[in-house]
Every structure is written in C-alpha cells, then in structure tokens.
Amino acid sequence: MERTVKLRVKVDHATYSALKEVEREYREILEDAVDYGLRNSTTSFTRIKAGVYRVEREKHKDLPSHYIYTACEDASERLDSFKKLKRRGRAYTDRPSVRRVTVHLDDHLWRFSLDEISIATKGGKVRVSPTFHKLFWRYYNGGWRIAGEARFRLAKGNVVELFIVFKKEEPKPYEPKGFTPVDLNEGSASVLVDGRPILLETNIKKITLGYEYRRKRVQSGRSTEDRDVRRRLKRLREKYRKADIRRKLARLIVKEAFESRSAIVLEDLPKRVPEHMIKDVKDPQLRLRIYRSAFSSTKNAIIEKAREFGVPVVLVSPSYTSSTCPVHGSRIVYRPDGGAAPRVGVCEKGGERWHRDVVALYNLRRRAGDVSPVPLGSKESHDPPAVGLGRWLRAKSLRLIVSELKMIEMKA
C-alpha cells in the first residue's frame, strides 16, 4: 500500500539548471528505451535495460548510471500501459509519445532528511529544502515509511515538484460483525447506518452541468487552439472537485465500517460501466452526466481506503437491486412522477412504498448474507433523510449525523 505526496519548492538558478540538464538527458534515454521496446516488441525492464544500457552509457558518460536504470523502468511502465490501452481499443496513436517527463529516482540518486533533500546530478549533488505541509506530516507521523524511490518534475519559475512515496503494510482484514451496504448514484450515495438509511448528497450532477456550461461559454465562437481559451479551460477544476468529494465520502464510509467492525457491501460494477449505461440513452445531456459520474472511481476510492484500514469489502451483483422488494421478492413498480427517473415505487405484492436508493441497500445487505428483518411501513423506506454536501463533508462520523437527525425528529 502506497501514497504519493507532492512537495513544491522554489530553488536558485544554479540548482534548477543542474536538474534541467538531468531532465534533458533523462528524456533522451527514455525516448531511446521506448523506441527499443517498440522495435523488439517487449515491455520487459530487464530486456530494455540490457538492450540500451551500453549505448546510453557511452552517450551520457557524466550522468549517474542509475538514471539509465530508472529511465528503462519508466519506459517499461509506459509501454505496458500503452499496450493495455491498445488492447482495450482506447489508444489514439500508433505508438506511445514522450511528452511531459517526470524523472524517476531510486535510492542511489536521492537522499531524504527533514533538513534537506539531495539529488544526484552530472556535477554532483544538489540540495533542496522543501516546506512540509499537513498531508506530509499526516503520513510521516502516521506509521508510513518513506520509500526508496521518488520522482521530480520541473515547473516554471525555478520550481521543482518533488513526489515523495510513502509505503505501509496493509493490515489484515478483521472478521466482520455485520454489514454496511452502500449504493452509489449520480447525485448521492445511500448508506445504512445502524439499520437506518441516509442519503449523502454529492451534487455530482450540478457540478458536471455547471462546468459544462462554463466550458461552452469559454469556447463559444472561438477555437480551442486559442491560447487564452486553453488557459481558461485549464483553470477549470471539475476533476479535482469530484476527486475531493470521492476521497472524503470514502473516508467517512470506511470510518463508520471500521468503528462498527462491519464489512462494506458494494455493487460489483462491470468494467467501463458508463459505456454500458449510456448505450441506449438518446438525451445528450443525460449521456454526459452518466459518463462523468465516475461510479467506478467512487467504488475504487472506497475499496482503496478500506484496504488502508483493513475493512473487508464484499462485492455483490448489482442486478435488480433497485427494482426488487426485499420482503416479498416481487417487482417494484415506479410510476411516473414528473421526473426523468421516478424515485419512489410500490411493491406489486405487498403494496409497500420504497425509495429506490433505500431498497437497494436492503437488497445489497441480503445478497451479502445478512438476513436481518426489513422494517415494514417505515417512513424512511420511501422518504429517507437527505444530508447536504456541505454538512457531511465537515462531519467527523456518520453516527454523529444519525444522532443529529434523531434529535431534530424529537424536537419536531
């Protein structure tokens, strides 16, 4: 298990020039290594290194030899990634291109201390003294160890971006005492906490459409080749906002499961799930929203955070979780309510009313092996409490949210 932390540090001109020289020669080696791998149809680091090392050592005599090793590792990773993309039909070029370079370092090329970080160059070692931020200290003081490998990338203004890798042994998953089912949707995530369903609003739909409208305004009547257009588009931060929501949602859910010693139950979504979901959708706006909802990314964020805490994760079939009554096993009929997707339906056999995000939770829990009784006639089964994005983002735990909801109901 590993995490990467980025540190930015402004250096003097001499240090920047020395690292720039390393970057230039590293790029040359990387390009030669990629060419060798393509010519010989190999992604093996060992074969690439054996094929290019002697020639590159002659060409770059003053460069520390381990940069050749790390460049070959970099080339191997790029070729392997390109090969997988090509196999899936998602490669848009005939060969991988080396555009932006991040220089890989092994334990012979850099040394870390809290006072300074030294990096080997052609003229000897250069030293940089970064300012460590809160995220760095969280990992440094949280039982993580700094790995032997690192990376650096050069930015404008004599700025060096250092990528420090932290590693930690994965804890063994505990034996769960219960289940915490989670149903992921476009605008919310529903969770069952102590048998009580709650909806955590994520506002992904609003974020997606908001940024799409902003893109259209920026691009209106102008070419994307325009420098000002590219600069303004680059400043849009849709990806980062959504990633932040996913990380915080994952932490909140995993923390609840960890404290209750339960297993998280998720739908086993297929690969490339957006493509499957939009296959028969004609509305272009709905297609856009589904494609950018990133269901799999949210699922993977929860699984990754669960692995960090040793929380077991159970993946179950997603088929008919929102359209089957967990009590009678019969179909739930969703009658039109004026919206694009009706949220409340009625069981054909028993007549119970179900909210589609709540019924999915009970079905997920049942498929995981929990046969606890399902509450009948509960108001929450068709009208679950919704918690706004701004409220749960600042919450310390889901249990506190549930306690607050109970207090509000008692006062009402």
Protein backbone atom coordinates (compact mmCIF):
# COMPACT_ATOMS: atom_id res chain seq x y z
CA MET A 1 0.00 0.00 0.00
CA GLU A 2 1.49 3.32 -1.00
CA ARG A 3 0.64 7.01 -1.22
CA THR A 4 2.39 9.82 -3.09
CA VAL A 5 2.77 13.33 -1.68
CA LYS A 6 3.79 16.27 -3.85
CA LEU A 7 6.08 18.97 -2.47
CA ARG A 8 6.79 22.21 -4.35
CA VAL A 9 9.99 24.12 -3.68
CA LYS A 10 11.49 27.17 -5.38
CA VAL A 11 15.25 26.78 -5.95
CA ASP A 12 18.06 29.02 -7.16
CA HIS A 13 19.07 29.24 -10.82
CA ALA A 14 22.16 27.01 -10.45
CA THR A 15 20.17 24.16 -8.84
CA TYR A 16 17.39 24.46 -11.41
CA SER A 17 19.89 24.42 -14.30
CA ALA A 18 21.60 21.29 -12.94
CA LEU A 19 18.25 19.48 -12.65
CA LYS A 20 17.20 20.76 -16.09
CA GLU A 21 20.30 19.16 -17.57
CA VAL A 22 19.43 15.86 -15.88
CA GLU A 23 15.87 16.10 -17.20
CA ARG A 24 17.07 16.74 -20.78
CA GLU A 25 19.37 13.69 -20.82
CA TYR A 26 16.81 11.55 -18.99
CA ARG A 27 14.30 12.39 -21.75
CA GLU A 28 16.79 11.27 -24.42
CA ILE A 29 17.38 7.95 -22.65
CA LEU A 30 13.65 7.46 -22.11
CA GLU A 31 12.87 8.06 -25.80
CA ASP A 32 15.61 5.61 -26.87
CA ALA A 33 14.33 3.00 -24.39
CA VAL A 34 10.74 3.36 -25.65
CA ASP A 35 11.97 3.01 -29.26
CA TYR A 36 13.93 -0.12 -28.34
CA GLY A 37 10.89 -1.67 -26.64
CA LEU A 38 8.70 -0.96 -29.68
CA ARG A 39 11.25 -2.32 -32.16
CA ASN A 40 11.72 -5.50 -30.17
CA SER A 41 8.07 -5.89 -29.08
CA THR A 42 8.91 -6.01 -25.38
CA THR A 43 7.77 -4.24 -22.24
CA SER A 44 10.30 -6.04 -20.01
CA PHE A 45 12.50 -3.73 -17.95
CA THR A 46 15.31 -6.31 -17.92
CA ARG A 47 15.35 -6.70 -21.70
CA ILE A 48 15.11 -2.97 -22.35
CA LYS A 49 17.95 -2.24 -19.92
CA ALA A 50 20.14 -4.97 -21.43
CA GLY A 51 19.48 -3.60 -24.92
CA VAL A 52 20.18 0.10 -24.33
CA TYR A 53 22.49 0.36 -21.32
CA ARG A 54 25.87 0.17 -23.07
CA VAL A 55 24.93 2.64 -25.81
CA GLU A 56 23.38 5.12 -23.35
CA ARG A 57 26.36 4.88 -21.02
CA GLU A 58 28.63 5.93 -23.86
CA LYS A 59 26.36 8.82 -24.82
CA HIS A 60 25.85 10.09 -21.24
CA LYS A 61 29.18 9.46 -19.52
CA ASP A 62 28.83 12.16 -16.85
CA LEU A 63 25.26 11.30 -15.89
CA PRO A 64 24.91 8.96 -12.87
CA SER A 65 24.33 5.49 -14.30
CA HIS A 66 21.22 4.81 -12.21
CA TYR A 67 19.29 7.35 -14.29
CA ILE A 68 19.59 4.83 -17.13
CA TYR A 69 18.03 2.17 -14.88
CA THR A 70 15.14 4.42 -13.82
CA ALA A 71 14.55 5.63 -17.39
CA CYS A 72 14.29 2.00 -18.52
CA GLU A 73 11.78 1.31 -15.72
CA ASP A 74 9.84 4.38 -16.83
CA ALA A 75 9.87 3.17 -20.45
CA SER A 76 8.71 -0.29 -19.37
CA GLU A 77 5.75 1.18 -17.45
CA ARG A 78 4.78 3.45 -20.36
CA LEU A 79 4.94 0.61 -22.89
CA ASP A 80 2.94 -1.71 -20.65
CA SER A 81 0.28 0.95 -20.09
CA PHE A 82 0.09 1.70 -23.83
CA LYS A 83 -0.23 -2.00 -24.62
CA LYS A 84 -3.20 -2.34 -22.24
CA LEU A 85 -4.90 0.74 -23.70
CA LYS A 86 -4.40 -0.57 -27.22
CA ARG A 87 -5.87 -3.95 -26.24
CA ARG A 88 -8.98 -2.18 -24.93
CA GLY A 89 -9.26 -0.04 -28.05
CA ARG A 90 -8.53 3.16 -26.12
CA ALA A 91 -5.18 4.11 -27.68
CA TYR A 92 -5.46 7.01 -30.09
CA THR A 93 -1.94 6.82 -31.56
CA ASP A 94 0.17 4.07 -33.11
CA ARG A 95 2.92 4.41 -30.51
CA PRO A 96 3.36 6.00 -27.07
CA SER A 97 4.77 9.52 -27.19
CA VAL A 98 7.04 11.08 -24.57
CA ARG A 99 5.58 14.48 -23.83
CA ARG A 100 5.85 15.55 -20.21
CA VAL A 101 8.76 13.98 -18.34
CA THR A 102 8.87 13.18 -14.64
CA VAL A 103 12.36 11.99 -13.66
CA HIS A 104 12.35 8.78 -11.62
CA LEU A 105 14.83 8.41 -8.76
CA ASP A 106 15.99 5.30 -6.97
CA ASP A 107 17.74 5.07 -3.60
CA HIS A 108 21.16 5.74 -5.25
CA LEU A 109 20.03 9.04 -6.78
CA TRP A 110 18.45 10.83 -3.83
CA ARG A 111 18.61 11.09 -0.05
CA PHE A 112 15.89 12.32 2.27
CA SER A 113 16.10 14.12 5.60
CA LEU A 114 13.84 16.63 7.28
CA ASP A 115 16.54 19.28 6.85
CA GLU A 116 17.16 18.80 3.12
CA ILE A 117 16.72 16.50 0.13
CA SER A 118 19.74 15.79 -2.04
CA ILE A 119 19.52 14.73 -5.70
CA ALA A 120 22.42 13.44 -7.82
CA THR A 121 23.26 15.42 -10.98
CA LYS A 122 26.09 15.49 -13.53
CA GLY A 123 28.12 17.94 -11.45
CA GLY A 124 27.46 16.35 -8.08
CA LYS A 125 24.58 16.52 -5.62
CA VAL A 126 22.20 19.45 -5.36
CA ARG A 127 20.23 20.12 -2.20
CA VAL A 128 16.70 21.46 -1.80
CA SER A 129 14.85 22.34 1.39
CA PRO A 130 11.08 21.99 0.92
CA THR A 131 8.41 23.17 3.34
CA PHE A 132 6.42 20.15 4.52
CA HIS A 133 2.64 20.56 4.51
CA LYS A 134 -0.03 18.95 6.69
CA LEU A 135 -0.63 15.96 4.41
CA PHE A 136 3.08 15.08 4.51
CA TRP A 137 3.14 15.14 8.32
CA ARG A 138 -0.04 13.05 8.46
CA TYR A 139 1.71 10.20 6.64
CA TYR A 140 5.14 10.78 8.21
CA ASN A 141 3.74 10.59 11.76
CA GLY A 142 1.04 8.05 10.93
CA GLY A 143 3.10 4.87 10.66
CA TRP A 144 4.02 5.24 6.98
CA ARG A 145 7.65 4.95 5.85
CA ILE A 146 9.32 6.90 3.06
CA ALA A 147 10.15 4.58 0.17
CA GLY A 148 13.49 4.40 -1.62
CA GLU A 149 12.02 5.64 -4.90
CA ALA A 150 10.86 9.18 -5.66
CA ARG A 151 10.32 11.46 -8.65
CA PHE A 152 10.83 15.09 -9.56
CA ARG A 153 9.40 17.34 -12.24
CA LEU A 154 10.42 20.87 -13.21
CA ALA A 155 7.88 23.69 -13.40
CA LYS A 156 8.08 27.31 -14.46
CA GLY A 157 9.68 29.89 -12.22
CA ASN A 158 12.56 27.73 -10.96
CA VAL A 159 10.09 25.49 -9.15
CA VAL A 160 10.85 21.81 -8.51
CA GLU A 161 7.95 19.45 -7.80
CA LEU A 162 9.05 16.50 -5.66
CA PHE A 163 6.92 13.37 -5.44
CA ILE A 164 7.63 11.52 -2.19
CA VAL A 165 6.30 7.94 -1.96
CA PHE A 166 5.08 6.61 1.39
CA LYS A 167 4.57 2.89 1.95
CA LYS A 168 2.77 0.91 4.61
CA GLU A 169 1.96 -2.74 5.16
CA GLU A 170 -1.71 -3.49 4.60
CA PRO A 171 -3.50 -4.54 7.83
CA LYS A 172 -5.21 -7.92 7.81
CA PRO A 173 -8.98 -7.59 7.34
CA TYR A 174 -10.90 -8.38 10.52
CA GLU A 175 -13.82 -10.79 10.86
CA PRO A 176 -16.91 -8.59 10.29
CA LYS A 177 -19.74 -8.49 12.82
CA GLY A 178 -22.23 -7.00 10.35
CA PHE A 179 -22.59 -5.19 7.03
CA THR A 180 -22.63 -1.57 5.90
CA PRO A 181 -24.25 -1.51 2.45
CA VAL A 182 -23.52 1.47 0.17
CA ASP A 183 -25.43 2.34 -3.01
CA LEU A 184 -23.75 4.82 -5.35
CA ASN A 185 -25.85 7.11 -7.53
CA GLU A 186 -25.28 10.13 -9.71
CA GLY A 187 -26.27 12.77 -7.18
CA SER A 188 -25.98 10.90 -3.89
CA ALA A 189 -24.66 7.88 -2.02
CA SER A 190 -27.05 5.99 0.28
CA VAL A 191 -25.70 4.21 3.37
CA LEU A 192 -27.32 2.00 6.00
CA VAL A 193 -26.09 3.07 9.46
CA ASP A 194 -27.39 1.03 12.42
CA GLY A 195 -30.26 -0.14 10.24
CA ARG A 196 -31.18 3.44 9.33
CA PRO A 197 -30.84 4.62 5.70
CA ILE A 198 -29.46 8.09 4.95
CA LEU A 199 -28.72 9.81 1.64
CA LEU A 200 -25.45 11.72 1.36
CA GLU A 201 -25.87 14.28 -1.41
CA THR A 202 -22.79 14.63 -3.63
CA ASN A 203 -24.07 17.25 -6.12
CA ILE A 204 -22.15 15.50 -8.91
CA LYS A 205 -24.95 16.29 -11.37
CA LYS A 206 -24.82 20.03 -10.59
CA ILE A 207 -21.02 20.07 -10.74
CA THR A 208 -20.97 18.27 -14.10
CA LEU A 209 -23.55 20.54 -15.72
CA GLY A 210 -22.08 23.68 -14.16
CA TYR A 211 -18.64 23.03 -15.58
CA GLU A 212 -20.09 22.02 -18.96
CA TYR A 213 -21.93 25.34 -19.24
CA ARG A 214 -18.73 27.18 -18.31
CA ARG A 215 -16.79 25.28 -20.98
CA LYS A 216 -19.36 26.23 -23.60
CA ARG A 217 -19.14 29.91 -22.61
CA VAL A 218 -15.35 29.84 -22.80
CA GLN A 219 -15.33 28.08 -26.18
CA SER A 220 -18.28 29.97 -27.71
CA GLY A 221 -17.23 31.15 -31.18
CA ARG A 222 -13.53 30.52 -30.50
CA SER A 223 -11.08 27.78 -31.38
CA THR A 224 -9.62 25.51 -28.73
CA GLU A 225 -6.24 26.27 -30.30
CA ASP A 226 -6.56 29.82 -28.98
CA ARG A 227 -4.02 30.33 -26.20
CA ASP A 228 -6.44 32.25 -23.94
CA VAL A 229 -9.11 29.56 -24.41
CA ARG A 230 -6.67 26.80 -23.47
CA ARG A 231 -5.53 28.74 -20.42
CA ARG A 232 -9.09 29.33 -19.20
CA LEU A 233 -10.10 25.72 -19.81
CA LYS A 234 -7.06 24.53 -17.90
CA ARG A 235 -8.16 26.54 -14.88
CA LEU A 236 -11.45 24.61 -14.63
CA ARG A 237 -11.15 22.18 -11.73
CA GLU A 238 -14.05 19.77 -12.21
CA LYS A 239 -11.83 16.70 -11.91
CA TYR A 240 -10.25 17.89 -8.66
CA ARG A 241 -13.57 18.85 -7.05
CA LYS A 242 -15.07 15.45 -7.82
CA ALA A 243 -11.93 13.64 -6.61
CA ASP A 244 -12.08 15.57 -3.33
CA ILE A 245 -15.73 14.56 -2.82
CA ARG A 246 -14.90 10.91 -3.59
CA ARG A 247 -11.99 10.84 -1.12
CA LYS A 248 -13.98 12.39 1.72
CA LEU A 249 -17.01 10.19 1.04
CA ALA A 250 -14.80 7.09 1.07
CA ARG A 251 -13.15 8.08 4.34
CA LEU A 252 -16.49 8.76 6.05
CA ILE A 253 -17.96 5.40 4.97
CA VAL A 254 -14.85 3.39 5.79
CA LYS A 255 -14.51 5.05 9.20
CA GLU A 256 -18.10 4.06 10.05
CA ALA A 257 -17.50 0.45 8.96
CA PHE A 258 -14.21 0.30 10.87
CA GLU A 259 -15.72 1.60 14.12
CA SER A 260 -18.67 -0.81 13.91
CA ARG A 261 -16.37 -3.68 12.80
CA SER A 262 -18.58 -4.35 9.79
CA ALA A 263 -17.91 -5.14 6.12
CA ILE A 264 -18.75 -2.69 3.36
CA VAL A 265 -21.12 -4.06 0.70
CA LEU A 266 -20.85 -2.56 -2.80
CA GLU A 267 -22.25 -3.36 -6.21
CA ASP A 268 -19.79 -5.27 -8.38
CA LEU A 269 -19.91 -2.79 -11.26
CA PRO A 270 -18.66 -4.03 -14.65
CA LYS A 271 -15.62 -2.51 -16.35
CA ARG A 272 -16.31 0.64 -18.34
CA VAL A 273 -19.69 0.94 -16.65
CA PRO A 274 -20.58 4.38 -18.18
CA GLU A 275 -20.38 2.92 -21.71
CA HIS A 276 -22.87 0.20 -20.73
CA MET A 277 -25.23 2.69 -19.07
CA ILE A 278 -25.35 5.20 -21.96
CA LYS A 279 -25.71 2.56 -24.69
CA ASP A 280 -29.46 3.14 -25.13
CA VAL A 281 -29.64 6.74 -23.85
CA LYS A 282 -30.50 9.32 -26.52
CA ASP A 283 -30.51 12.51 -24.42
CA PRO A 284 -27.02 14.07 -24.90
CA GLN A 285 -27.13 15.86 -21.53
CA LEU A 286 -28.00 12.66 -19.68
CA ARG A 287 -25.25 10.80 -21.55
CA LEU A 288 -22.76 13.45 -20.45
CA ARG A 289 -23.89 13.29 -16.82
CA ILE A 290 -23.70 9.49 -16.67
CA TYR A 291 -20.30 9.40 -18.35
CA ARG A 292 -18.82 11.90 -15.90
CA SER A 293 -20.44 10.50 -12.76
CA ALA A 294 -17.42 8.21 -12.23
CA PHE A 295 -19.26 5.39 -10.40
CA SER A 296 -16.27 3.05 -10.71
CA SER A 297 -13.89 5.74 -9.43
CA THR A 298 -16.03 6.21 -6.32
CA LYS A 299 -16.22 2.45 -5.78
CA ASN A 300 -12.44 2.15 -6.19
CA ALA A 301 -11.83 5.05 -3.78
CA ILE A 302 -13.88 3.23 -1.10
CA ILE A 303 -12.09 -0.07 -1.74
CA GLU A 304 -8.68 1.61 -1.57
CA LYS A 305 -9.48 3.41 1.68
CA ALA A 306 -10.95 0.18 3.12
CA ARG A 307 -7.70 -1.62 2.31
CA GLU A 308 -5.81 1.03 4.26
CA PHE A 309 -7.95 0.41 7.38
CA GLY A 310 -8.26 -3.36 6.97
CA VAL A 311 -12.02 -3.14 6.41
CA PRO A 312 -13.44 -6.13 4.46
CA VAL A 313 -15.32 -5.29 1.24
CA VAL A 314 -18.00 -7.55 -0.25
CA LEU A 315 -18.91 -7.09 -3.92
CA VAL A 316 -22.34 -8.40 -4.95
CA SER A 317 -24.33 -8.47 -8.17
CA PRO A 318 -25.98 -5.12 -9.00
CA SER A 319 -28.82 -6.73 -10.97
CA TYR A 320 -32.33 -5.56 -9.94
CA THR A 321 -31.22 -4.20 -6.56
CA SER A 322 -33.49 -1.16 -7.03
CA SER A 323 -36.46 -2.96 -8.58
CA THR A 324 -36.98 -5.99 -6.31
CA CYS A 325 -38.87 -5.89 -2.99
CA PRO A 326 -36.54 -7.25 -0.23
CA VAL A 327 -39.57 -8.59 1.69
CA HIS A 328 -41.62 -10.36 -0.96
CA GLY A 329 -39.09 -10.73 -3.77
CA SER A 330 -41.61 -9.25 -6.20
CA ARG A 331 -41.18 -6.39 -8.64
CA ILE A 332 -41.35 -2.77 -7.54
CA VAL A 333 -43.29 -0.55 -9.94
CA TYR A 334 -42.08 3.04 -10.29
CA ARG A 335 -44.88 5.26 -11.51
CA PRO A 336 -44.05 8.50 -13.38
CA ASP A 337 -43.73 11.45 -11.01
CA GLY A 338 -42.78 14.16 -13.48
CA GLY A 339 -39.05 13.48 -13.18
CA ALA A 340 -36.72 11.69 -15.58
CA ALA A 341 -36.30 8.77 -13.12
CA PRO A 342 -39.05 8.16 -10.52
CA ARG A 343 -37.58 7.65 -7.06
CA VAL A 344 -40.50 6.04 -5.17
CA GLY A 345 -42.20 2.80 -6.23
CA VAL A 346 -44.72 0.30 -4.89
CA CYS A 347 -44.27 -3.44 -4.32
CA GLU A 348 -46.62 -5.36 -6.63
CA LYS A 349 -47.39 -7.98 -3.98
CA GLY A 350 -47.40 -6.22 -0.62
CA GLY A 351 -48.11 -2.64 -1.64
CA GLU A 352 -45.20 -1.21 0.40
CA ARG A 353 -43.68 2.03 -0.84
CA TRP A 354 -39.95 2.01 -1.46
CA HIS A 355 -37.39 4.66 -2.34
CA ARG A 356 -35.11 3.17 -4.99
CA ASP A 357 -31.90 4.14 -3.13
CA VAL A 358 -33.16 2.61 0.13
CA VAL A 359 -34.44 -0.66 -1.32
CA ALA A 360 -31.03 -1.12 -2.97
CA LEU A 361 -29.38 -1.01 0.48
CA TYR A 362 -31.55 -3.80 1.89
CA ASN A 363 -31.04 -5.93 -1.21
CA LEU A 364 -27.26 -5.42 -1.10
CA ARG A 365 -27.19 -6.41 2.58
CA ARG A 366 -29.27 -9.52 1.86
CA ARG A 367 -27.05 -10.58 -1.04
CA ALA A 368 -24.02 -10.25 1.23
CA GLY A 369 -25.55 -12.86 3.55
CA ASP A 370 -27.37 -10.76 6.17
CA VAL A 371 -30.98 -11.95 6.62
CA SER A 372 -31.97 -9.38 9.27
CA PRO A 373 -35.65 -8.40 9.13
CA VAL A 374 -36.52 -5.42 6.93
CA PRO A 375 -38.67 -2.73 8.60
CA LEU A 376 -42.13 -2.58 7.02
CA GLY A 377 -44.15 0.61 6.79
CA SER A 378 -41.22 2.76 7.90
CA LYS A 379 -41.35 6.35 6.62
CA GLU A 380 -37.63 6.13 5.89
CA SER A 381 -38.22 3.31 3.40
CA HIS A 382 -39.83 5.78 0.99
CA ASP A 383 -38.70 9.14 2.40
CA PRO A 384 -35.12 8.76 3.68
CA PRO A 385 -33.39 11.75 5.31
CA ALA A 386 -31.02 13.55 2.94
CA VAL A 387 -27.81 15.15 4.20
CA GLY A 388 -26.47 18.05 2.13
CA LEU A 389 -22.94 18.03 0.72
CA GLY A 390 -21.71 20.91 2.86
CA ARG A 391 -22.99 19.19 6.00
CA TRP A 392 -21.46 15.73 5.64
CA LEU A 393 -18.16 17.00 4.20
CA ARG A 394 -17.43 18.56 7.60
CA ALA A 395 -18.84 15.66 9.66
CA LYS A 396 -16.50 13.57 11.80
CA SER A 397 -18.59 10.40 11.51
CA LEU A 398 -21.85 9.07 10.09
CA ARG A 399 -23.05 8.17 13.59
CA LEU A 400 -22.95 11.83 14.61
CA ILE A 401 -25.06 12.67 11.56
CA VAL A 402 -27.62 10.00 12.52
CA SER A 403 -27.68 11.28 16.11
CA GLU A 404 -28.33 14.83 14.86
CA LEU A 405 -31.18 13.60 12.67
CA LYS A 406 -32.76 11.82 15.66
CA MET A 407 -32.52 14.98 17.76
CA ILE A 408 -34.18 17.01 15.02
CA GLU A 409 -37.03 14.48 14.78
CA MET A 410 -37.54 14.54 18.56
CA LYS A 411 -37.75 18.36 18.60
CA ALA A 412 -40.20 18.28 15.71
